C-alpha atoms as a PDB file:
ATOM      1  CA  MET A   1       0.023  -0.025   0.020  1.00  0.00           C
ATOM      2  CA  ALA A   2       1.428   3.365  -1.064  1.00  0.00           C
ATOM      3  CA  GLU A   3       1.930   5.698   1.911  1.00  0.00           C
ATOM      4  CA  LEU A   4      -0.501   8.742   1.696  1.00  0.00           C
ATOM      5  CA  ARG A   5       0.358  12.237   2.552  1.00  0.00           C
ATOM      6  CA  LYS A   6      -0.986  12.873   5.981  1.00  0.00           C
ATOM      7  CA  GLY A   7      -4.226  15.051   5.740  1.00  0.00           C
ATOM      8  CA  THR A   8      -4.802  14.415   2.193  1.00  0.00           C
ATOM      9  CA  ARG A   9      -8.618  14.122   1.489  1.00  0.00           C
ATOM     10  CA  ILE A  10      -9.578  10.721   0.108  1.00  0.00           C
ATOM     11  CA  THR A  11     -12.905  10.443  -1.703  1.00  0.00           C
ATOM     12  CA  GLY A  12     -14.814   8.546  -4.134  1.00  0.00           C
ATOM     13  CA  ALA A  13     -13.449   5.390  -5.834  1.00  0.00           C
ATOM     14  CA  GLU A  14      -9.948   6.024  -4.221  1.00  0.00           C
ATOM     15  CA  ARG A  15     -11.496   5.853  -0.754  1.00  0.00           C
ATOM     16  CA  ASP A  16     -13.427   2.762  -1.581  1.00  0.00           C
ATOM     17  CA  LYS A  17     -10.136   1.053  -2.877  1.00  0.00           C
ATOM     18  CA  LEU A  18      -8.462   2.045   0.362  1.00  0.00           C
ATOM     19  CA  ALA A  19     -11.309   0.810   2.386  1.00  0.00           C
ATOM     20  CA  ALA A  20     -11.135  -2.593   0.670  1.00  0.00           C
ATOM     21  CA  GLU A  21      -7.413  -2.916   1.188  1.00  0.00           C
ATOM     22  CA  LEU A  22      -7.388  -1.933   4.773  1.00  0.00           C
ATOM     23  CA  ARG A  23     -10.476  -4.254   5.531  1.00  0.00           C
ATOM     24  CA  LYS A  24      -8.642  -7.256   3.769  1.00  0.00           C
ATOM     25  CA  LYS A  25      -5.401  -6.645   5.766  1.00  0.00           C
ATOM     26  CA  TYR A  26      -7.539  -6.180   9.127  1.00  0.00           C
ATOM     27  CA  GLU A  27      -9.434  -9.357   8.604  1.00  0.00           C
ATOM     28  CA  SER A  28      -6.280 -11.224   8.041  1.00  0.00           C
ATOM     29  CA  GLY A  29      -5.289 -10.216  11.559  1.00  0.00           C
ATOM     30  CA  GLN A  30      -3.401  -6.832  11.292  1.00  0.00           C
ATOM     31  CA  SER A  31      -4.241  -4.222  14.023  1.00  0.00           C
ATOM     32  CA  ILE A  32      -5.698  -0.945  13.347  1.00  0.00           C
ATOM     33  CA  ARG A  33      -2.354   0.696  14.691  1.00  0.00           C
ATOM     34  CA  LEU A  34      -0.306  -1.254  12.408  1.00  0.00           C
ATOM     35  CA  LEU A  35      -2.620  -0.379   9.539  1.00  0.00           C
ATOM     36  CA  ALA A  36      -2.405   3.330  10.538  1.00  0.00           C
ATOM     37  CA  GLU A  37       1.297   3.258  10.647  1.00  0.00           C
ATOM     38  CA  SER A  38       1.810   1.535   7.211  1.00  0.00           C
ATOM     39  CA  SER A  39      -0.654   3.752   5.468  1.00  0.00           C
ATOM     40  CA  GLY A  40       0.630   7.043   7.036  1.00  0.00           C
ATOM     41  CA  ARG A  41      -2.888   7.793   8.352  1.00  0.00           C
ATOM     42  CA  SER A  42      -4.226   8.236  11.878  1.00  0.00           C
ATOM     43  CA  TYR A  43      -5.663   5.549  14.038  1.00  0.00           C
ATOM     44  CA  GLY A  44      -9.033   7.370  13.974  1.00  0.00           C
ATOM     45  CA  PHE A  45      -9.018   7.624  10.250  1.00  0.00           C
ATOM     46  CA  VAL A  46      -8.355   3.804   9.784  1.00  0.00           C
ATOM     47  CA  HIS A  47     -10.945   3.021  12.409  1.00  0.00           C
ATOM     48  CA  ARG A  48     -13.616   5.224  10.728  1.00  0.00           C
ATOM     49  CA  ILE A  49     -12.781   3.726   7.231  1.00  0.00           C
ATOM     50  CA  LEU A  50     -13.180   0.201   8.610  1.00  0.00           C
ATOM     51  CA  SER A  51     -16.471   1.029  10.341  1.00  0.00           C
ATOM     52  CA  GLU A  52     -17.884   2.754   7.220  1.00  0.00           C
ATOM     53  CA  SER A  53     -16.999  -0.293   5.186  1.00  0.00           C
ATOM     54  CA  GLY A  54     -19.040  -2.596   7.316  1.00  0.00           C
ATOM     55  CA  THR A  55     -16.011  -4.426   8.974  1.00  0.00           C
ATOM     56  CA  THR A  56     -16.782  -6.121  12.248  1.00  0.00           C
ATOM     57  CA  LEU A  57     -14.030  -4.792  14.586  1.00  0.00           C
ATOM     58  CA  ARG A  58     -12.411  -7.055  17.118  1.00  0.00           C
ATOM     59  CA  GLY A  59     -12.486  -6.497  20.799  1.00  0.00           C
ATOM     60  CA  ARG A  60      -9.457  -4.910  22.524  1.00  0.00           C
ATOM     61  CA  GLY A  61      -8.355  -7.987  24.264  1.00  0.00           C
ATOM     62  CA  GLY A  62      -5.848  -7.906  27.110  1.00  0.00           C
ATOM     63  CA  ALA A  63      -6.925  -8.061  30.835  1.00  0.00           C
ATOM     64  CA  THR A  64     -10.454  -7.428  31.714  1.00  0.00           C
ATOM     65  CA  ARG A  65     -11.541  -5.675  34.833  1.00  0.00           C
ATOM     66  CA  GLY A  66     -13.638  -7.513  37.251  1.00  0.00           C
ATOM     67  CA  THR A  67     -13.439  -9.466  40.495  1.00  0.00           C
ATOM     68  CA  LYS A  68     -10.468 -11.696  41.149  1.00  0.00           C
ATOM     69  CA  LYS A  69     -11.432 -15.377  41.492  1.00  0.00           C
ATOM     70  CA  LYS A  70     -10.481 -16.731  44.873  1.00  0.00           C
ATOM     71  CA  SER A  71      -8.215 -19.805  44.895  1.00  0.00           C
ATOM     72  CA  SER A  72      -9.493 -22.515  47.241  1.00  0.00           C
END
């Protein structure tokens, strides 16, 4: 994927093409942060493009907050 100049407005067919590329990479396991870095765009831009394209976003993962289980 060619790096885009930061802040460049992307519309129409070019936006659709970028959304399809990002969606394919995201669904193959890449993170939004990695996609943002490789495309030269912000995390928020990539997140928005994925959401607009109908991509089901993964949960954040990591530790969840809650009560600790007592060991017996």
